[in-house]
N, C-alpha and C. Protein backbone atom coordinates (compact mmCIF):
# COMPACT_ATOMS: atom_id res chain seq x y z
N MET A 1 0.84 -1.19 0.00
CA MET A 1 0.00 0.00 0.00
C MET A 1 0.88 1.24 0.00
N ARG A 2 0.62 2.15 -0.90
CA ARG A 2 1.33 3.42 -0.99
C ARG A 2 0.56 4.46 -0.19
N MET A 3 1.29 5.34 0.50
CA MET A 3 0.58 6.32 1.34
C MET A 3 1.19 7.70 1.17
N ASN A 4 0.31 8.71 1.02
CA ASN A 4 0.75 10.11 1.00
C ASN A 4 0.24 10.77 2.29
N ASP A 5 0.55 12.04 2.48
CA ASP A 5 0.18 12.74 3.72
C ASP A 5 -1.34 12.73 3.95
N ALA A 6 -2.11 13.00 2.91
CA ALA A 6 -3.56 13.07 3.06
C ALA A 6 -4.15 11.72 3.44
N THR A 7 -3.69 10.67 2.79
CA THR A 7 -4.18 9.33 3.09
C THR A 7 -3.77 8.91 4.50
N ALA A 8 -2.53 9.18 4.86
CA ALA A 8 -2.04 8.83 6.20
C ALA A 8 -2.85 9.54 7.28
N LEU A 9 -3.13 10.81 7.06
CA LEU A 9 -3.91 11.59 8.03
C LEU A 9 -5.32 11.04 8.16
N LYS A 10 -5.93 10.68 7.04
CA LYS A 10 -7.27 10.11 7.06
C LYS A 10 -7.29 8.78 7.83
N VAL A 11 -6.33 7.90 7.56
CA VAL A 11 -6.23 6.61 8.26
C VAL A 11 -5.98 6.83 9.75
N LEU A 12 -5.06 7.74 10.07
CA LEU A 12 -4.74 8.02 11.47
C LEU A 12 -5.95 8.54 12.22
N ARG A 13 -6.69 9.46 11.63
CA ARG A 13 -7.88 10.01 12.30
C ARG A 13 -8.93 8.93 12.54
N GLU A 14 -9.07 8.03 11.59
CA GLU A 14 -10.02 6.93 11.77
C GLU A 14 -9.58 6.01 12.92
N ILE A 15 -8.31 5.68 12.95
CA ILE A 15 -7.79 4.82 14.03
C ILE A 15 -7.94 5.51 15.37
N ALA A 16 -7.63 6.80 15.45
CA ALA A 16 -7.64 7.54 16.72
C ALA A 16 -9.04 7.71 17.30
N GLN A 17 -10.09 7.46 16.53
CA GLN A 17 -11.45 7.53 17.06
C GLN A 17 -11.69 6.46 18.12
N ASP A 18 -10.93 5.39 18.08
CA ASP A 18 -11.03 4.30 19.06
C ASP A 18 -9.71 4.24 19.82
N SER A 19 -9.69 4.75 21.04
CA SER A 19 -8.44 4.84 21.81
C SER A 19 -7.80 3.47 22.06
N ALA A 20 -8.57 2.40 21.97
CA ALA A 20 -8.02 1.05 22.15
C ALA A 20 -7.09 0.69 20.99
N ARG A 21 -7.21 1.38 19.88
CA ARG A 21 -6.36 1.11 18.72
C ARG A 21 -5.10 1.98 18.70
N VAL A 22 -4.93 2.82 19.73
CA VAL A 22 -3.76 3.69 19.84
C VAL A 22 -2.85 3.09 20.92
N VAL A 23 -1.68 2.64 20.51
CA VAL A 23 -0.73 2.00 21.41
C VAL A 23 0.31 3.03 21.83
N MET A 24 0.54 3.17 23.13
CA MET A 24 1.53 4.12 23.62
C MET A 24 2.71 3.37 24.20
N THR A 25 3.89 3.69 23.72
CA THR A 25 5.12 3.05 24.20
C THR A 25 5.49 3.61 25.58
N ASP A 26 6.38 2.90 26.26
CA ASP A 26 6.88 3.40 27.55
C ASP A 26 7.55 4.75 27.38
N HIS A 27 8.26 4.91 26.27
CA HIS A 27 8.95 6.17 26.01
C HIS A 27 7.97 7.34 25.94
N VAL A 28 6.87 7.16 25.22
CA VAL A 28 5.91 8.26 25.09
C VAL A 28 5.25 8.56 26.43
N ARG A 29 4.99 7.55 27.22
CA ARG A 29 4.40 7.79 28.55
C ARG A 29 5.33 8.63 29.42
N LEU A 30 6.63 8.34 29.36
CA LEU A 30 7.62 9.13 30.10
C LEU A 30 7.63 10.57 29.60
N ARG A 31 7.66 10.75 28.29
CA ARG A 31 7.68 12.11 27.72
C ARG A 31 6.39 12.86 28.04
N MET A 32 5.27 12.17 28.07
CA MET A 32 4.01 12.82 28.42
C MET A 32 4.05 13.34 29.85
N ARG A 33 4.59 12.55 30.77
CA ARG A 33 4.72 13.02 32.16
C ARG A 33 5.66 14.21 32.24
N GLN A 34 6.81 14.12 31.57
CA GLN A 34 7.79 15.21 31.60
C GLN A 34 7.24 16.50 31.01
N ARG A 35 6.44 16.37 29.96
CA ARG A 35 5.95 17.55 29.24
C ARG A 35 4.52 17.92 29.60
N LYS A 36 3.99 17.22 30.61
CA LYS A 36 2.64 17.50 31.12
C LYS A 36 1.58 17.46 30.01
N VAL A 37 1.61 16.37 29.25
CA VAL A 37 0.65 16.14 28.18
C VAL A 37 -0.28 15.01 28.63
N THR A 38 -1.58 15.23 28.53
CA THR A 38 -2.54 14.21 28.94
C THR A 38 -2.87 13.29 27.75
N THR A 39 -3.44 12.15 28.08
CA THR A 39 -3.87 11.22 27.04
C THR A 39 -4.94 11.86 26.16
N THR A 40 -5.83 12.62 26.75
CA THR A 40 -6.87 13.31 25.99
C THR A 40 -6.25 14.28 24.99
N GLN A 41 -5.26 15.04 25.42
CA GLN A 41 -4.60 15.98 24.52
C GLN A 41 -3.92 15.24 23.37
N LEU A 42 -3.28 14.14 23.67
CA LEU A 42 -2.61 13.34 22.65
C LEU A 42 -3.63 12.84 21.62
N LEU A 43 -4.75 12.30 22.09
CA LEU A 43 -5.77 11.79 21.18
C LEU A 43 -6.39 12.90 20.33
N ILE A 44 -6.61 14.06 20.92
CA ILE A 44 -7.15 15.20 20.15
C ILE A 44 -6.16 15.59 19.06
N CYS A 45 -4.88 15.60 19.37
CA CYS A 45 -3.86 15.93 18.37
C CYS A 45 -3.92 14.93 17.22
N LEU A 46 -4.06 13.64 17.52
CA LEU A 46 -4.14 12.63 16.48
C LEU A 46 -5.42 12.78 15.65
N GLN A 47 -6.50 13.18 16.28
CA GLN A 47 -7.79 13.29 15.60
C GLN A 47 -7.94 14.57 14.79
N ARG A 48 -7.30 15.66 15.23
CA ARG A 48 -7.53 16.96 14.60
C ARG A 48 -6.29 17.63 14.04
N GLY A 49 -5.13 17.05 14.28
CA GLY A 49 -3.88 17.68 13.88
C GLY A 49 -3.63 17.70 12.39
N PHE A 50 -2.56 18.38 12.01
CA PHE A 50 -2.14 18.45 10.62
C PHE A 50 -0.76 17.78 10.51
N VAL A 51 -0.42 17.34 9.33
CA VAL A 51 0.87 16.68 9.11
C VAL A 51 1.97 17.73 9.15
N SER A 52 2.89 17.58 10.10
CA SER A 52 4.01 18.53 10.20
C SER A 52 5.33 17.89 9.76
N GLU A 53 5.36 16.58 9.65
CA GLU A 53 6.52 15.87 9.09
C GLU A 53 5.95 14.80 8.17
N HIS A 54 6.34 14.84 6.93
CA HIS A 54 5.75 13.99 5.90
C HIS A 54 5.84 12.50 6.23
N VAL A 55 4.87 11.77 5.72
CA VAL A 55 4.80 10.33 5.94
C VAL A 55 5.90 9.63 5.14
N ALA A 56 6.49 8.63 5.79
CA ALA A 56 7.53 7.81 5.15
C ALA A 56 7.52 6.43 5.80
N MET A 57 7.92 5.44 5.04
CA MET A 57 7.98 4.09 5.60
C MET A 57 9.27 3.97 6.42
N ASP A 58 9.13 3.42 7.64
CA ASP A 58 10.31 3.25 8.49
C ASP A 58 10.92 1.86 8.27
N ALA A 59 11.97 1.55 9.01
CA ALA A 59 12.70 0.29 8.85
C ALA A 59 11.87 -0.93 9.23
N HIS A 60 10.80 -0.73 10.00
CA HIS A 60 9.95 -1.84 10.44
C HIS A 60 8.76 -2.07 9.51
N GLY A 61 8.64 -1.26 8.48
CA GLY A 61 7.53 -1.40 7.54
C GLY A 61 6.28 -0.65 7.93
N TYR A 62 6.38 0.25 8.94
CA TYR A 62 5.26 1.07 9.35
C TYR A 62 5.36 2.43 8.66
N TRP A 63 4.21 3.06 8.45
CA TRP A 63 4.18 4.41 7.91
C TRP A 63 4.31 5.38 9.08
N LYS A 64 5.36 6.17 9.09
CA LYS A 64 5.64 7.08 10.20
C LYS A 64 5.43 8.52 9.75
N LEU A 65 4.82 9.32 10.64
CA LEU A 65 4.62 10.74 10.38
C LEU A 65 4.52 11.48 11.71
N THR A 66 4.57 12.78 11.64
CA THR A 66 4.37 13.62 12.81
C THR A 66 3.18 14.53 12.54
N VAL A 67 2.28 14.58 13.52
CA VAL A 67 1.12 15.48 13.43
C VAL A 67 1.22 16.51 14.53
N SER A 68 0.74 17.71 14.26
CA SER A 68 0.80 18.80 15.23
C SER A 68 -0.56 19.45 15.36
N HIS A 69 -0.78 20.03 16.55
CA HIS A 69 -2.05 20.71 16.83
C HIS A 69 -1.81 21.68 17.98
N ARG A 70 -2.53 22.77 18.00
CA ARG A 70 -2.42 23.74 19.09
C ARG A 70 -3.52 23.45 20.10
N LEU A 71 -3.11 23.17 21.35
CA LEU A 71 -4.04 22.83 22.43
C LEU A 71 -3.70 23.64 23.67
N ALA A 72 -4.71 24.20 24.30
CA ALA A 72 -4.53 24.93 25.55
C ALA A 72 -3.40 25.95 25.45
N GLY A 73 -3.32 26.61 24.31
CA GLY A 73 -2.31 27.65 24.12
C GLY A 73 -0.91 27.14 23.87
N LYS A 74 -0.75 25.83 23.69
CA LYS A 74 0.58 25.25 23.46
C LYS A 74 0.54 24.40 22.19
N ASP A 75 1.66 24.41 21.46
CA ASP A 75 1.78 23.55 20.29
C ASP A 75 2.19 22.16 20.75
N LEU A 76 1.51 21.16 20.23
CA LEU A 76 1.81 19.77 20.56
C LEU A 76 2.08 19.02 19.27
N SER A 77 3.15 18.25 19.25
CA SER A 77 3.48 17.40 18.11
C SER A 77 3.58 15.97 18.59
N VAL A 78 3.09 15.04 17.77
CA VAL A 78 3.08 13.62 18.11
C VAL A 78 3.68 12.85 16.95
N ALA A 79 4.76 12.11 17.22
CA ALA A 79 5.33 11.22 16.22
C ALA A 79 4.63 9.87 16.38
N VAL A 80 4.16 9.34 15.26
CA VAL A 80 3.33 8.14 15.31
C VAL A 80 3.64 7.25 14.11
N ALA A 81 3.56 5.94 14.34
CA ALA A 81 3.71 4.96 13.26
C ALA A 81 2.36 4.29 13.06
N ILE A 82 1.95 4.14 11.81
CA ILE A 82 0.67 3.52 11.50
C ILE A 82 0.92 2.09 11.05
N ASP A 83 0.33 1.16 11.77
CA ASP A 83 0.35 -0.26 11.42
C ASP A 83 -0.97 -0.52 10.69
N VAL A 84 -0.96 -0.31 9.38
CA VAL A 84 -2.18 -0.37 8.57
C VAL A 84 -2.75 -1.78 8.62
N PRO A 85 -4.05 -1.95 8.78
CA PRO A 85 -5.06 -0.92 8.95
C PRO A 85 -5.52 -0.77 10.39
N SER A 86 -4.89 -1.45 11.32
CA SER A 86 -5.52 -1.63 12.62
C SER A 86 -5.11 -0.70 13.76
N ARG A 87 -3.88 -0.22 13.79
CA ARG A 87 -3.49 0.54 14.99
C ARG A 87 -2.46 1.62 14.69
N ALA A 88 -2.34 2.54 15.65
CA ALA A 88 -1.34 3.60 15.60
C ALA A 88 -0.43 3.43 16.81
N ILE A 89 0.86 3.45 16.59
CA ILE A 89 1.84 3.31 17.67
C ILE A 89 2.46 4.66 17.90
N VAL A 90 2.19 5.24 19.06
CA VAL A 90 2.69 6.58 19.36
C VAL A 90 4.13 6.44 19.84
N ILE A 91 5.03 7.19 19.20
CA ILE A 91 6.45 7.08 19.48
C ILE A 91 6.89 8.11 20.53
N THR A 92 6.53 9.36 20.31
CA THR A 92 6.91 10.40 21.28
C THR A 92 6.02 11.63 21.09
N VAL A 93 6.08 12.53 22.07
CA VAL A 93 5.39 13.81 22.00
C VAL A 93 6.39 14.91 22.27
N PHE A 94 6.20 16.05 21.62
CA PHE A 94 7.06 17.20 21.88
C PHE A 94 6.33 18.47 21.55
């Protein structure tokens, strides 16, 4: 499957509608605590954000991109890998 930014964003938004399909790594949980980012804020960013780093296939065969959104007066960016078609693996937040 070939993916561009628009397609990746559409797939990601669909996946993010069901929080059970969003997998958070230990690393992202640590960064969320450090940066005072809530799970709700992270999910909103995935559901409403825009592509700030273009989609590309990573070494594991996942489509990786970064989405950004402005929440509570702060810019939030989320690096995420899409395991098509079932889940999104959140890598980090900044």
